[in-house]
Amino acid sequence: MRQLKYNIRERLDALNRREHEIMMRRLLEAVLPASRSTFYRWINTGAGDVFQIPYTKQLKIAVLFGCTVDELSYVP
């Protein structure tokens, strides 16, 4: 498996099924107007990819996970 740029998927996988469903709903609402497919692209972005999640969206995601933007990233 390739190295990912963000650990969002890992954080979601650590949740139980019910918490995962709730968090996905909250995340998708927080990143609007981004689509579900865009969100999935974000959580599957590889470490070597140039693409980045917009900073304002990273802030919203970090707030929901109760962490900092820096803690969402595997890569500095």
Protein backbone atom coordinates (compact mmCIF):
# COMPACT_ATOMS: atom_id res chain seq x y z
CA MET A 1 0.00 0.00 0.00
CA ARG A 2 1.32 3.43 -0.87
CA GLN A 3 2.07 6.08 1.73
CA LEU A 4 -0.72 8.62 2.09
CA LYS A 5 -0.30 12.35 2.61
CA TYR A 6 -3.07 12.62 5.24
CA ASN A 7 -4.08 10.25 8.03
CA ILE A 8 -7.79 11.01 7.76
CA ARG A 9 -8.65 7.52 6.52
CA GLU A 10 -6.68 5.95 9.38
CA ARG A 11 -8.54 8.12 11.89
CA LEU A 12 -11.87 7.07 10.37
CA ASP A 13 -10.89 3.40 10.39
CA ALA A 14 -10.14 3.62 14.13
CA LEU A 15 -13.78 4.45 14.84
CA ASN A 16 -16.50 1.88 15.37
CA ARG A 17 -19.15 1.57 12.67
CA ARG A 18 -21.65 3.96 14.25
CA GLU A 19 -19.02 6.61 15.04
CA HIS A 20 -17.63 6.22 11.51
CA GLU A 21 -21.04 6.89 9.96
CA ILE A 22 -21.60 9.94 12.15
CA MET A 23 -18.11 11.31 11.46
CA MET A 24 -18.47 10.80 7.70
CA ARG A 25 -21.75 12.72 7.74
CA ARG A 26 -20.15 15.55 9.72
CA LEU A 27 -17.06 15.62 7.52
CA LEU A 28 -19.06 15.75 4.32
CA GLU A 29 -21.17 18.58 5.72
CA ALA A 30 -18.07 20.46 6.87
CA VAL A 31 -16.31 20.34 3.51
CA LEU A 32 -19.29 21.49 1.43
CA PRO A 33 -19.46 22.42 -1.41
CA ALA A 34 -16.89 19.68 -2.05
CA SER A 35 -18.48 16.47 -3.26
CA ARG A 36 -18.20 13.00 -1.77
CA SER A 37 -15.85 11.98 -4.59
CA THR A 38 -13.62 14.98 -3.89
CA PHE A 39 -13.51 14.05 -0.21
CA TYR A 40 -12.50 10.48 -1.07
CA ARG A 41 -9.79 11.87 -3.35
CA TRP A 42 -8.50 13.91 -0.41
CA ILE A 43 -8.29 10.97 1.98
CA ASN A 44 -6.54 8.84 -0.66
CA THR A 45 -3.96 11.43 -1.75
CA GLY A 46 -0.50 9.89 -1.86
CA ALA A 47 2.50 11.38 -0.09
CA GLY A 48 4.18 12.15 -3.40
CA ASP A 49 1.15 13.79 -4.97
CA VAL A 50 1.27 17.55 -5.56
CA PHE A 51 -2.43 17.86 -4.74
CA GLN A 52 -3.34 19.22 -1.29
CA ILE A 53 -6.58 19.66 0.61
CA PRO A 54 -7.43 23.39 0.74
CA TYR A 55 -6.27 24.77 4.09
CA THR A 56 -9.74 26.01 5.10
CA LYS A 57 -11.07 22.47 4.62
CA GLN A 58 -8.13 21.02 6.56
CA LEU A 59 -9.04 23.31 9.46
CA LYS A 60 -12.64 22.08 9.46
CA ILE A 61 -11.54 18.44 9.32
CA ALA A 62 -9.03 18.96 12.14
CA VAL A 63 -11.68 20.55 14.36
CA LEU A 64 -13.97 17.55 13.89
CA PHE A 65 -11.17 15.15 14.82
CA GLY A 66 -10.06 17.34 17.72
CA CYS A 67 -6.53 17.76 16.42
CA THR A 68 -4.36 20.30 14.64
CA VAL A 69 -3.90 20.59 10.89
CA ASP A 70 -0.31 19.40 11.33
CA GLU A 71 -1.55 16.23 13.04
CA LEU A 72 -3.66 15.35 9.97
CA SER A 73 -0.60 15.11 7.78
CA TYR A 74 1.95 12.31 7.48
CA VAL A 75 4.21 14.56 5.45
CA PRO A 76 5.55 17.92 6.69
